[in-house]
Amino acid sequence: MKRDFSRLQTEQRHPRTSRIDALTVEDIIDLINREDASIAEAVGAEKPKIARAVNLLVDRVKKGGRLFFVGAGTSGRLGVLESAEMPPTFGTSADLVLAIMAGGKSALLKAKEGVEDNYEEGARSVNRLQPTRKDVVVGVSASGMTQFVRGALTRARRAGTKIIFVTCDPRTELQTFVDLIIAPAVGPEVIAGSTRLKAGTATKMVLNMLTTATMIRIGKTYGNLMVDVQMGSEKLRDRARRIIIMVTGLEYDAADALLRGAHWNVKAAIVMQKTGLTYPKAVARLRKAHDFVRDAIGEDAEPRLKELLEVG
């Protein structure tokens, strides 16, 4: 079946940018900046759907489910970025948030034209991960017409997997095929069809909200602090020390010693300092509190963090 790409908003020519090639650099930047200013409003209009999506993700993750991002081109790379950043930022296991990119790893660094049209490979790529009813697949396609993504979603649907679709085409015909569609209407691009621009930025904002809000709701932060941060670098170990200092009031060396005693587990270190428990008992208390520091110590982080801001 021949697909009609001409109807897509992202393929339309923008009436205000038809002479962009005749503008000065300053005017080009100003024009792009003014267009970008509309993106937050378009994403904001989708907040109720984004909230529903987060609630779905939280429910599935708490039941042992996984999150898959599926996309091609810019959309695929944005999914890979979200997946890659979850373990170091929130201490998740490597297989909790996964990304499927049309064309595989080599397409991350170099565009591979045509792979997005391979419906069968999309289905095979999802099938390799053996989706279940516990999982959620987030299909990402600015145009809403990427065949690789459609193949992946069709296979996931057959497994009973919940499906969220993120697109910048509010008129996509997939309305009845997926569980939830998030479709910020960003309109025509500054350069017709270049969805790495407004569509890409809007998609990044939506994916940020989906992953960040989900991680917060499963206990990966205390207040606005990254308490499940992994210690893969000195910068991250320093961040862990500073978190301990902010929450407990300890000096730098004492915070370092506490973290070493807690095996660099920031959450356990906080519980140990606040309750006087040993490391094993602090871990047990966290487990009983479903991994929420707030519930484990019965203390809100906000007063202490506000106090520090006022002092600073």
C-alpha atoms as a PDB file:
ATOM      1  CA  MET A   1       0.000   0.000   0.000  1.00  0.00           C
ATOM      2  CA  LYS A   2       1.388   3.387  -1.005  1.00  0.00           C
ATOM      3  CA  ARG A   3       1.777   5.726   1.952  1.00  0.00           C
ATOM      4  CA  ASP A   4       0.867   9.400   1.601  1.00  0.00           C
ATOM      5  CA  PHE A   5       3.601  11.335   3.391  1.00  0.00           C
ATOM      6  CA  SER A   6       2.476  14.674   1.983  1.00  0.00           C
ATOM      7  CA  ARG A   7      -0.335  15.001   4.516  1.00  0.00           C
ATOM      8  CA  LEU A   8       1.990  14.880   7.522  1.00  0.00           C
ATOM      9  CA  GLN A   9       2.390  18.082   9.523  1.00  0.00           C
ATOM     10  CA  THR A  10       6.115  17.472   9.816  1.00  0.00           C
ATOM     11  CA  GLU A  11       6.410  17.391   5.999  1.00  0.00           C
ATOM     12  CA  GLN A  12       4.611  20.691   5.430  1.00  0.00           C
ATOM     13  CA  ARG A  13       6.445  23.842   4.404  1.00  0.00           C
ATOM     14  CA  HIS A  14       6.469  26.520   7.085  1.00  0.00           C
ATOM     15  CA  PRO A  15       5.043  29.830   5.804  1.00  0.00           C
ATOM     16  CA  ARG A  16       7.393  31.893   7.969  1.00  0.00           C
ATOM     17  CA  THR A  17      10.607  30.195   6.853  1.00  0.00           C
ATOM     18  CA  SER A  18      10.323  30.167   3.054  1.00  0.00           C
ATOM     19  CA  ARG A  19      13.168  32.726   2.721  1.00  0.00           C
ATOM     20  CA  ILE A  20      15.367  31.263   5.458  1.00  0.00           C
ATOM     21  CA  ASP A  21      18.246  30.767   3.021  1.00  0.00           C
ATOM     22  CA  ALA A  22      18.352  34.523   2.366  1.00  0.00           C
ATOM     23  CA  LEU A  23      18.527  35.557   6.042  1.00  0.00           C
ATOM     24  CA  THR A  24      21.529  36.598   8.088  1.00  0.00           C
ATOM     25  CA  VAL A  25      22.902  34.126  10.631  1.00  0.00           C
ATOM     26  CA  GLU A  26      21.408  36.232  13.430  1.00  0.00           C
ATOM     27  CA  ASP A  27      17.963  36.158  11.800  1.00  0.00           C
ATOM     28  CA  ILE A  28      18.152  32.394  11.192  1.00  0.00           C
ATOM     29  CA  ILE A  29      18.951  31.810  14.850  1.00  0.00           C
ATOM     30  CA  ASP A  30      16.148  34.146  15.923  1.00  0.00           C
ATOM     31  CA  LEU A  31      13.683  32.331  13.673  1.00  0.00           C
ATOM     32  CA  ILE A  32      14.663  28.887  14.979  1.00  0.00           C
ATOM     33  CA  ASN A  33      14.512  30.166  18.555  1.00  0.00           C
ATOM     34  CA  ARG A  34      10.994  31.572  18.083  1.00  0.00           C
ATOM     35  CA  GLU A  35       9.807  28.270  16.633  1.00  0.00           C
ATOM     36  CA  ASP A  36      11.389  26.334  19.492  1.00  0.00           C
ATOM     37  CA  ALA A  37       9.515  28.508  21.986  1.00  0.00           C
ATOM     38  CA  SER A  38       6.254  26.850  20.891  1.00  0.00           C
ATOM     39  CA  ILE A  39       7.410  23.314  21.694  1.00  0.00           C
ATOM     40  CA  ALA A  40       6.775  23.409  25.445  1.00  0.00           C
ATOM     41  CA  GLU A  41       3.182  24.496  24.832  1.00  0.00           C
ATOM     42  CA  ALA A  42       2.611  21.617  22.413  1.00  0.00           C
ATOM     43  CA  VAL A  43       4.022  19.129  24.926  1.00  0.00           C
ATOM     44  CA  GLY A  44       2.025  20.771  27.729  1.00  0.00           C
ATOM     45  CA  ALA A  45      -1.200  20.057  25.876  1.00  0.00           C
ATOM     46  CA  GLU A  46      -0.381  16.355  26.192  1.00  0.00           C
ATOM     47  CA  LYS A  47       0.231  16.366  29.973  1.00  0.00           C
ATOM     48  CA  PRO A  48      -2.877  14.335  30.875  1.00  0.00           C
ATOM     49  CA  LYS A  49      -1.828  11.585  28.454  1.00  0.00           C
ATOM     50  CA  ILE A  50       1.772  11.691  29.659  1.00  0.00           C
ATOM     51  CA  ALA A  51       0.523  11.285  33.243  1.00  0.00           C
ATOM     52  CA  ARG A  52      -1.575   8.272  32.215  1.00  0.00           C
ATOM     53  CA  ALA A  53       1.468   6.790  30.513  1.00  0.00           C
ATOM     54  CA  VAL A  54       3.603   7.249  33.632  1.00  0.00           C
ATOM     55  CA  ASN A  55       0.984   5.569  35.805  1.00  0.00           C
ATOM     56  CA  LEU A  56       0.968   2.636  33.380  1.00  0.00           C
ATOM     57  CA  LEU A  57       4.768   2.420  33.430  1.00  0.00           C
ATOM     58  CA  VAL A  58       4.943   2.573  37.222  1.00  0.00           C
ATOM     59  CA  ASP A  59       2.350  -0.178  37.540  1.00  0.00           C
ATOM     60  CA  ARG A  60       4.208  -2.448  35.124  1.00  0.00           C
ATOM     61  CA  VAL A  61       7.694  -1.799  36.546  1.00  0.00           C
ATOM     62  CA  LYS A  62       6.471  -2.519  40.078  1.00  0.00           C
ATOM     63  CA  LYS A  63       5.158  -5.850  38.799  1.00  0.00           C
ATOM     64  CA  GLY A  64       8.515  -6.774  37.317  1.00  0.00           C
ATOM     65  CA  GLY A  65       7.885  -5.500  33.806  1.00  0.00           C
ATOM     66  CA  ARG A  66      10.331  -3.869  31.422  1.00  0.00           C
ATOM     67  CA  LEU A  67      10.205  -0.760  29.246  1.00  0.00           C
ATOM     68  CA  PHE A  68      11.203  -0.924  25.565  1.00  0.00           C
ATOM     69  CA  PHE A  69      11.732   2.107  23.336  1.00  0.00           C
ATOM     70  CA  VAL A  70      11.432   1.405  19.613  1.00  0.00           C
ATOM     71  CA  GLY A  71      12.312   3.874  16.875  1.00  0.00           C
ATOM     72  CA  ALA A  72      14.278   4.722  13.746  1.00  0.00           C
ATOM     73  CA  GLY A  73      16.565   7.653  12.955  1.00  0.00           C
ATOM     74  CA  THR A  74      16.303  10.549  15.403  1.00  0.00           C
ATOM     75  CA  SER A  75      13.401   8.884  17.214  1.00  0.00           C
ATOM     76  CA  GLY A  76      15.399   5.699  17.700  1.00  0.00           C
ATOM     77  CA  ARG A  77      18.468   7.563  18.950  1.00  0.00           C
ATOM     78  CA  LEU A  78      16.370   9.410  21.515  1.00  0.00           C
ATOM     79  CA  GLY A  79      15.076   6.084  22.817  1.00  0.00           C
ATOM     80  CA  VAL A  80      18.633   4.750  23.038  1.00  0.00           C
ATOM     81  CA  LEU A  81      19.658   7.856  24.985  1.00  0.00           C
ATOM     82  CA  GLU A  82      16.900   7.352  27.548  1.00  0.00           C
ATOM     83  CA  SER A  83      17.768   3.685  27.930  1.00  0.00           C
ATOM     84  CA  ALA A  84      21.502   4.310  28.306  1.00  0.00           C
ATOM     85  CA  GLU A  85      21.054   6.976  30.977  1.00  0.00           C
ATOM     86  CA  MET A  86      18.803   5.023  33.330  1.00  0.00           C
ATOM     87  CA  PRO A  87      21.453   2.791  35.028  1.00  0.00           C
ATOM     88  CA  PRO A  88      23.960   5.551  35.925  1.00  0.00           C
ATOM     89  CA  THR A  89      21.285   8.077  36.880  1.00  0.00           C
ATOM     90  CA  PHE A  90      18.838   5.891  38.754  1.00  0.00           C
ATOM     91  CA  GLY A  91      20.756   2.693  39.487  1.00  0.00           C
ATOM     92  CA  THR A  92      18.426   0.527  37.417  1.00  0.00           C
ATOM     93  CA  SER A  93      19.411  -2.873  36.092  1.00  0.00           C
ATOM     94  CA  ALA A  94      20.668  -2.864  32.509  1.00  0.00           C
ATOM     95  CA  ASP A  95      17.623  -4.804  31.292  1.00  0.00           C
ATOM     96  CA  LEU A  96      14.884  -2.658  32.866  1.00  0.00           C
ATOM     97  CA  VAL A  97      14.807   0.014  30.151  1.00  0.00           C
ATOM     98  CA  LEU A  98      15.854  -1.224  26.715  1.00  0.00           C
ATOM     99  CA  ALA A  99      16.027   0.408  23.292  1.00  0.00           C
ATOM    100  CA  ILE A 100      15.475  -1.072  19.842  1.00  0.00           C
ATOM    101  CA  MET A 101      16.973   0.968  17.021  1.00  0.00           C
ATOM    102  CA  ALA A 102      16.236   0.362  13.364  1.00  0.00           C
ATOM    103  CA  GLY A 103      19.517  -0.637  11.769  1.00  0.00           C
ATOM    104  CA  GLY A 104      21.069  -1.707  15.067  1.00  0.00           C
ATOM    105  CA  LYS A 105      24.057  -0.199  16.845  1.00  0.00           C
ATOM    106  CA  SER A 106      25.767   0.966  13.663  1.00  0.00           C
ATOM    107  CA  ALA A 107      22.790   3.227  12.879  1.00  0.00           C
ATOM    108  CA  LEU A 108      23.452   5.226  16.048  1.00  0.00           C
ATOM    109  CA  LEU A 109      26.516   6.921  14.594  1.00  0.00           C
ATOM    110  CA  LYS A 110      25.752   6.807  10.890  1.00  0.00           C
ATOM    111  CA  ALA A 111      22.354   7.134   9.242  1.00  0.00           C
ATOM    112  CA  LYS A 112      21.223   3.957   7.475  1.00  0.00           C
ATOM    113  CA  GLU A 113      18.539   4.909   4.983  1.00  0.00           C
ATOM    114  CA  GLY A 114      15.779   2.422   4.298  1.00  0.00           C
ATOM    115  CA  VAL A 115      15.980   0.422   7.527  1.00  0.00           C
ATOM    116  CA  GLU A 116      12.963   2.298   8.867  1.00  0.00           C
ATOM    117  CA  ASP A 117      10.827   0.760   6.105  1.00  0.00           C
ATOM    118  CA  ASN A 118      11.488  -2.824   7.222  1.00  0.00           C
ATOM    119  CA  TYR A 119       8.273  -3.911   8.973  1.00  0.00           C
ATOM    120  CA  GLU A 120       9.444  -7.512   9.385  1.00  0.00           C
ATOM    121  CA  GLU A 121      12.732  -6.534  11.033  1.00  0.00           C
ATOM    122  CA  GLY A 122      10.819  -4.385  13.529  1.00  0.00           C
ATOM    123  CA  ALA A 123       8.763  -7.428  14.485  1.00  0.00           C
ATOM    124  CA  ARG A 124      11.864  -9.628  14.715  1.00  0.00           C
ATOM    125  CA  SER A 125      13.719  -7.072  16.856  1.00  0.00           C
ATOM    126  CA  VAL A 126      10.976  -7.032  19.474  1.00  0.00           C
ATOM    127  CA  ASN A 127      10.550 -10.789  19.302  1.00  0.00           C
ATOM    128  CA  ARG A 128      14.213 -11.276  20.322  1.00  0.00           C
ATOM    129  CA  LEU A 129      13.419  -9.605  23.655  1.00  0.00           C
ATOM    130  CA  GLN A 130      10.436 -11.914  24.257  1.00  0.00           C
ATOM    131  CA  PRO A 131       7.893  -9.287  25.383  1.00  0.00           C
ATOM    132  CA  THR A 132       5.291 -10.265  27.956  1.00  0.00           C
ATOM    133  CA  ARG A 133       2.085  -8.884  29.422  1.00  0.00           C
ATOM    134  CA  LYS A 134       4.143  -7.228  32.177  1.00  0.00           C
ATOM    135  CA  ASP A 135       6.135  -5.095  29.739  1.00  0.00           C
ATOM    136  CA  VAL A 136       5.450  -1.775  28.027  1.00  0.00           C
ATOM    137  CA  VAL A 137       6.640  -0.841  24.549  1.00  0.00           C
ATOM    138  CA  VAL A 138       6.963   2.845  23.688  1.00  0.00           C
ATOM    139  CA  GLY A 139       6.950   3.263  19.932  1.00  0.00           C
ATOM    140  CA  VAL A 140       8.552   6.521  18.839  1.00  0.00           C
ATOM    141  CA  SER A 141       7.898   7.898  15.355  1.00  0.00           C
ATOM    142  CA  ALA A 142       7.669  11.607  14.557  1.00  0.00           C
ATOM    143  CA  SER A 143       5.685  10.908  11.397  1.00  0.00           C
ATOM    144  CA  GLY A 144       3.645   8.073  12.863  1.00  0.00           C
ATOM    145  CA  MET A 145       4.263   6.068   9.688  1.00  0.00           C
ATOM    146  CA  THR A 146       7.591   4.312  10.337  1.00  0.00           C
ATOM    147  CA  GLN A 147       7.116   0.698   9.253  1.00  0.00           C
ATOM    148  CA  PHE A 148       9.905  -0.664  11.484  1.00  0.00           C
ATOM    149  CA  VAL A 149       8.064   0.723  14.512  1.00  0.00           C
ATOM    150  CA  ARG A 150       4.711  -0.569  13.317  1.00  0.00           C
ATOM    151  CA  GLY A 151       6.131  -4.049  12.888  1.00  0.00           C
ATOM    152  CA  ALA A 152       7.546  -3.919  16.406  1.00  0.00           C
ATOM    153  CA  LEU A 153       4.260  -2.740  17.893  1.00  0.00           C
ATOM    154  CA  THR A 154       2.279  -5.404  16.056  1.00  0.00           C
ATOM    155  CA  ARG A 155       4.489  -8.148  17.477  1.00  0.00           C
ATOM    156  CA  ALA A 156       4.285  -6.625  20.965  1.00  0.00           C
ATOM    157  CA  ARG A 157       0.508  -6.416  20.740  1.00  0.00           C
ATOM    158  CA  ARG A 158       0.356 -10.121  19.896  1.00  0.00           C
ATOM    159  CA  ALA A 159       2.189 -10.828  23.172  1.00  0.00           C
ATOM    160  CA  GLY A 160      -0.337  -8.771  25.138  1.00  0.00           C
ATOM    161  CA  THR A 161       2.232  -6.060  25.862  1.00  0.00           C
ATOM    162  CA  LYS A 162       0.907  -2.582  26.640  1.00  0.00           C
ATOM    163  CA  ILE A 163       1.770  -0.031  23.950  1.00  0.00           C
ATOM    164  CA  ILE A 164       2.383   3.713  24.191  1.00  0.00           C
ATOM    165  CA  PHE A 165       2.942   5.606  20.947  1.00  0.00           C
ATOM    166  CA  VAL A 166       4.831   8.922  20.855  1.00  0.00           C
ATOM    167  CA  THR A 167       4.436  10.866  17.615  1.00  0.00           C
ATOM    168  CA  CYS A 168       4.122  14.423  16.324  1.00  0.00           C
ATOM    169  CA  ASP A 169       1.253  13.502  14.026  1.00  0.00           C
ATOM    170  CA  PRO A 170      -1.969  13.967  16.035  1.00  0.00           C
ATOM    171  CA  ARG A 171      -3.932  12.519  13.098  1.00  0.00           C
ATOM    172  CA  THR A 172      -2.170   9.148  13.092  1.00  0.00           C
ATOM    173  CA  GLU A 173      -4.486   6.259  12.240  1.00  0.00           C
ATOM    174  CA  LEU A 174      -2.957   4.143  15.030  1.00  0.00           C
ATOM    175  CA  GLN A 175      -5.482   5.542  17.522  1.00  0.00           C
ATOM    176  CA  THR A 176      -7.335   2.219  17.805  1.00  0.00           C
ATOM    177  CA  PHE A 177      -4.216   0.014  17.681  1.00  0.00           C
ATOM    178  CA  VAL A 178      -2.281   1.198  20.733  1.00  0.00           C
ATOM    179  CA  ASP A 179      -3.216   1.744  24.374  1.00  0.00           C
ATOM    180  CA  LEU A 180      -2.199   5.387  24.515  1.00  0.00           C
ATOM    181  CA  ILE A 181      -0.987   8.009  22.031  1.00  0.00           C
ATOM    182  CA  ILE A 182       1.035  11.067  23.039  1.00  0.00           C
ATOM    183  CA  ALA A 183       1.097  13.471  20.097  1.00  0.00           C
ATOM    184  CA  PRO A 184       2.453  16.997  20.646  1.00  0.00           C
ATOM    185  CA  ALA A 185       1.365  19.065  17.632  1.00  0.00           C
ATOM    186  CA  VAL A 186       4.554  20.999  16.897  1.00  0.00           C
ATOM    187  CA  GLY A 187       3.524  21.866  13.338  1.00  0.00           C
ATOM    188  CA  PRO A 188       5.793  22.286  10.314  1.00  0.00           C
ATOM    189  CA  GLU A 189       9.542  22.284  10.807  1.00  0.00           C
ATOM    190  CA  VAL A 190      11.806  25.256  10.067  1.00  0.00           C
ATOM    191  CA  ILE A 191      13.273  23.038   7.344  1.00  0.00           C
ATOM    192  CA  ALA A 192      10.402  21.039   5.853  1.00  0.00           C
ATOM    193  CA  GLY A 193      10.578  17.410   6.943  1.00  0.00           C
ATOM    194  CA  SER A 194      13.596  17.769   9.257  1.00  0.00           C
ATOM    195  CA  THR A 195      12.094  16.085  12.297  1.00  0.00           C
ATOM    196  CA  ARG A 196      15.370  16.281  14.245  1.00  0.00           C
ATOM    197  CA  LEU A 197      14.273  19.872  14.972  1.00  0.00           C
ATOM    198  CA  LYS A 198      10.972  20.674  16.732  1.00  0.00           C
ATOM    199  CA  ALA A 199       9.650  17.112  16.572  1.00  0.00           C
ATOM    200  CA  GLY A 200      12.917  15.768  17.980  1.00  0.00           C
ATOM    201  CA  THR A 201      12.952  18.310  20.798  1.00  0.00           C
ATOM    202  CA  ALA A 202       9.311  17.621  21.679  1.00  0.00           C
ATOM    203  CA  THR A 203       9.963  13.885  21.654  1.00  0.00           C
ATOM    204  CA  LYS A 204      12.965  14.295  23.943  1.00  0.00           C
ATOM    205  CA  MET A 205      10.845  16.313  26.372  1.00  0.00           C
ATOM    206  CA  VAL A 206       8.122  13.650  26.418  1.00  0.00           C
ATOM    207  CA  LEU A 207      10.574  10.782  26.920  1.00  0.00           C
ATOM    208  CA  ASN A 208      12.302  12.738  29.710  1.00  0.00           C
ATOM    209  CA  MET A 209       8.958  13.084  31.482  1.00  0.00           C
ATOM    210  CA  LEU A 210       8.059   9.426  31.027  1.00  0.00           C
ATOM    211  CA  THR A 211      11.322   8.047  32.415  1.00  0.00           C
ATOM    212  CA  THR A 212      11.997  10.663  35.095  1.00  0.00           C
ATOM    213  CA  ALA A 213       8.485  10.637  36.560  1.00  0.00           C
ATOM    214  CA  THR A 214       8.448   6.836  36.528  1.00  0.00           C
ATOM    215  CA  MET A 215      11.790   6.635  38.344  1.00  0.00           C
ATOM    216  CA  ILE A 216      10.613   9.141  40.952  1.00  0.00           C
ATOM    217  CA  ARG A 217       7.423   7.169  41.560  1.00  0.00           C
ATOM    218  CA  ILE A 218       9.326   3.911  42.183  1.00  0.00           C
ATOM    219  CA  GLY A 219      11.582   5.527  44.799  1.00  0.00           C
ATOM    220  CA  LYS A 220      14.680   6.465  42.823  1.00  0.00           C
ATOM    221  CA  THR A 221      14.934   9.954  44.363  1.00  0.00           C
ATOM    222  CA  TYR A 222      14.737  11.496  47.815  1.00  0.00           C
ATOM    223  CA  GLY A 223      13.323  14.950  47.359  1.00  0.00           C
ATOM    224  CA  ASN A 224      15.083  16.046  44.183  1.00  0.00           C
ATOM    225  CA  LEU A 225      18.282  14.167  45.002  1.00  0.00           C
ATOM    226  CA  MET A 226      19.640  11.310  42.865  1.00  0.00           C
ATOM    227  CA  VAL A 227      19.965   8.797  45.694  1.00  0.00           C
ATOM    228  CA  ASP A 228      20.267   5.714  43.471  1.00  0.00           C
ATOM    229  CA  VAL A 229      23.185   7.166  41.523  1.00  0.00           C
ATOM    230  CA  GLN A 230      25.830   4.645  40.489  1.00  0.00           C
ATOM    231  CA  MET A 231      29.485   5.204  41.426  1.00  0.00           C
ATOM    232  CA  GLY A 232      31.138   4.722  38.065  1.00  0.00           C
ATOM    233  CA  SER A 233      33.344   7.825  38.230  1.00  0.00           C
ATOM    234  CA  GLU A 234      34.908  10.198  40.735  1.00  0.00           C
ATOM    235  CA  LYS A 235      32.365  12.846  39.735  1.00  0.00           C
ATOM    236  CA  LEU A 236      29.532  10.507  40.701  1.00  0.00           C
ATOM    237  CA  ARG A 237      31.231   9.490  43.954  1.00  0.00           C
ATOM    238  CA  ASP A 238      31.620  13.178  44.782  1.00  0.00           C
ATOM    239  CA  ARG A 239      27.938  13.715  44.018  1.00  0.00           C
ATOM    240  CA  ALA A 240      27.118  10.893  46.436  1.00  0.00           C
ATOM    241  CA  ARG A 241      29.191  12.525  49.175  1.00  0.00           C
ATOM    242  CA  ARG A 242      27.483  15.861  48.596  1.00  0.00           C
ATOM    243  CA  ILE A 243      24.060  14.215  48.783  1.00  0.00           C
ATOM    244  CA  ILE A 244      24.975  12.711  52.141  1.00  0.00           C
ATOM    245  CA  ILE A 245      26.262  16.083  53.357  1.00  0.00           C
ATOM    246  CA  MET A 246      23.031  17.813  52.299  1.00  0.00           C
ATOM    247  CA  VAL A 247      20.730  15.253  53.885  1.00  0.00           C
ATOM    248  CA  THR A 248      22.636  14.487  57.102  1.00  0.00           C
ATOM    249  CA  GLY A 249      24.764  17.581  57.759  1.00  0.00           C
ATOM    250  CA  LEU A 250      27.940  15.511  58.025  1.00  0.00           C
ATOM    251  CA  GLU A 251      31.309  16.914  57.020  1.00  0.00           C
ATOM    252  CA  TYR A 252      32.951  15.721  53.805  1.00  0.00           C
ATOM    253  CA  ASP A 253      35.292  13.143  55.352  1.00  0.00           C
ATOM    254  CA  ALA A 254      32.547  11.758  57.584  1.00  0.00           C
ATOM    255  CA  ALA A 255      30.225  11.478  54.590  1.00  0.00           C
ATOM    256  CA  ASP A 256      32.919   9.582  52.722  1.00  0.00           C
ATOM    257  CA  ALA A 257      33.421   7.199  55.640  1.00  0.00           C
ATOM    258  CA  LEU A 258      29.669   6.639  55.959  1.00  0.00           C
ATOM    259  CA  LEU A 259      29.368   5.811  52.269  1.00  0.00           C
ATOM    260  CA  ARG A 260      32.241   3.359  52.448  1.00  0.00           C
ATOM    261  CA  GLY A 261      30.535   1.671  55.373  1.00  0.00           C
ATOM    262  CA  ALA A 262      27.361   1.514  53.326  1.00  0.00           C
ATOM    263  CA  HIS A 263      29.202  -0.011  50.335  1.00  0.00           C
ATOM    264  CA  TRP A 264      28.557   3.237  48.410  1.00  0.00           C
ATOM    265  CA  ASN A 265      24.812   2.716  48.693  1.00  0.00           C
ATOM    266  CA  VAL A 266      23.528   6.284  49.178  1.00  0.00           C
ATOM    267  CA  LYS A 267      20.081   5.231  50.358  1.00  0.00           C
ATOM    268  CA  ALA A 268      21.454   2.813  52.929  1.00  0.00           C
ATOM    269  CA  ALA A 269      23.954   5.434  54.131  1.00  0.00           C
ATOM    270  CA  ILE A 270      21.144   7.930  54.756  1.00  0.00           C
ATOM    271  CA  VAL A 271      19.093   5.360  56.658  1.00  0.00           C
ATOM    272  CA  MET A 272      22.138   4.317  58.696  1.00  0.00           C
ATOM    273  CA  GLN A 273      22.922   7.897  59.718  1.00  0.00           C
ATOM    274  CA  LYS A 274      19.329   8.833  60.457  1.00  0.00           C
ATOM    275  CA  THR A 275      18.407   5.695  62.411  1.00  0.00           C
ATOM    276  CA  GLY A 276      21.680   4.336  63.787  1.00  0.00           C
ATOM    277  CA  LEU A 277      21.043   0.989  62.098  1.00  0.00           C
ATOM    278  CA  THR A 278      23.767  -1.248  60.731  1.00  0.00           C
ATOM    279  CA  TYR A 279      24.120  -1.631  56.973  1.00  0.00           C
ATOM    280  CA  PRO A 280      22.195  -4.949  56.732  1.00  0.00           C
ATOM    281  CA  LYS A 281      19.361  -3.602  58.881  1.00  0.00           C
ATOM    282  CA  ALA A 282      19.257  -0.335  56.893  1.00  0.00           C
ATOM    283  CA  VAL A 283      18.925  -2.318  53.664  1.00  0.00           C
ATOM    284  CA  ALA A 284      16.156  -4.414  55.233  1.00  0.00           C
ATOM    285  CA  ARG A 285      14.297  -1.276  56.314  1.00  0.00           C
ATOM    286  CA  LEU A 286      14.564   0.153  52.803  1.00  0.00           C
ATOM    287  CA  ARG A 287      13.197  -3.075  51.371  1.00  0.00           C
ATOM    288  CA  LYS A 288      10.259  -2.913  53.776  1.00  0.00           C
ATOM    289  CA  ALA A 289       9.660   0.697  52.709  1.00  0.00           C
ATOM    290  CA  HIS A 290       9.573  -0.398  49.047  1.00  0.00           C
ATOM    291  CA  ASP A 291      12.892   1.390  48.457  1.00  0.00           C
ATOM    292  CA  PHE A 292      11.598   4.867  49.405  1.00  0.00           C
ATOM    293  CA  VAL A 293      14.042   6.747  51.644  1.00  0.00           C
ATOM    294  CA  ARG A 294      11.283   9.072  52.839  1.00  0.00           C
ATOM    295  CA  ASP A 295       9.263   6.156  54.205  1.00  0.00           C
ATOM    296  CA  ALA A 296      12.295   4.322  55.579  1.00  0.00           C
ATOM    297  CA  ILE A 297      13.329   7.222  57.832  1.00  0.00           C
ATOM    298  CA  GLY A 298       9.957   8.957  58.243  1.00  0.00           C
ATOM    299  CA  GLU A 299      11.417  12.295  57.231  1.00  0.00           C
ATOM    300  CA  ASP A 300      10.719  14.706  54.367  1.00  0.00           C
ATOM    301  CA  ALA A 301      13.771  16.044  52.527  1.00  0.00           C
ATOM    302  CA  GLU A 302      12.189  19.382  51.628  1.00  0.00           C
ATOM    303  CA  PRO A 303      12.734  21.367  54.880  1.00  0.00           C
ATOM    304  CA  ARG A 304      16.445  20.507  54.943  1.00  0.00           C
ATOM    305  CA  LEU A 305      16.932  21.260  51.236  1.00  0.00           C
ATOM    306  CA  LYS A 306      15.070  24.556  51.495  1.00  0.00           C
ATOM    307  CA  GLU A 307      17.188  25.526  54.477  1.00  0.00           C
ATOM    308  CA  LEU A 308      20.352  24.883  52.470  1.00  0.00           C
ATOM    309  CA  LEU A 309      19.066  27.010  49.598  1.00  0.00           C
ATOM    310  CA  GLU A 310      18.321  29.884  51.962  1.00  0.00           C
ATOM    311  CA  VAL A 311      21.760  29.662  53.514  1.00  0.00           C
ATOM    312  CA  GLY A 312      23.393  29.526  50.093  1.00  0.00           C
END
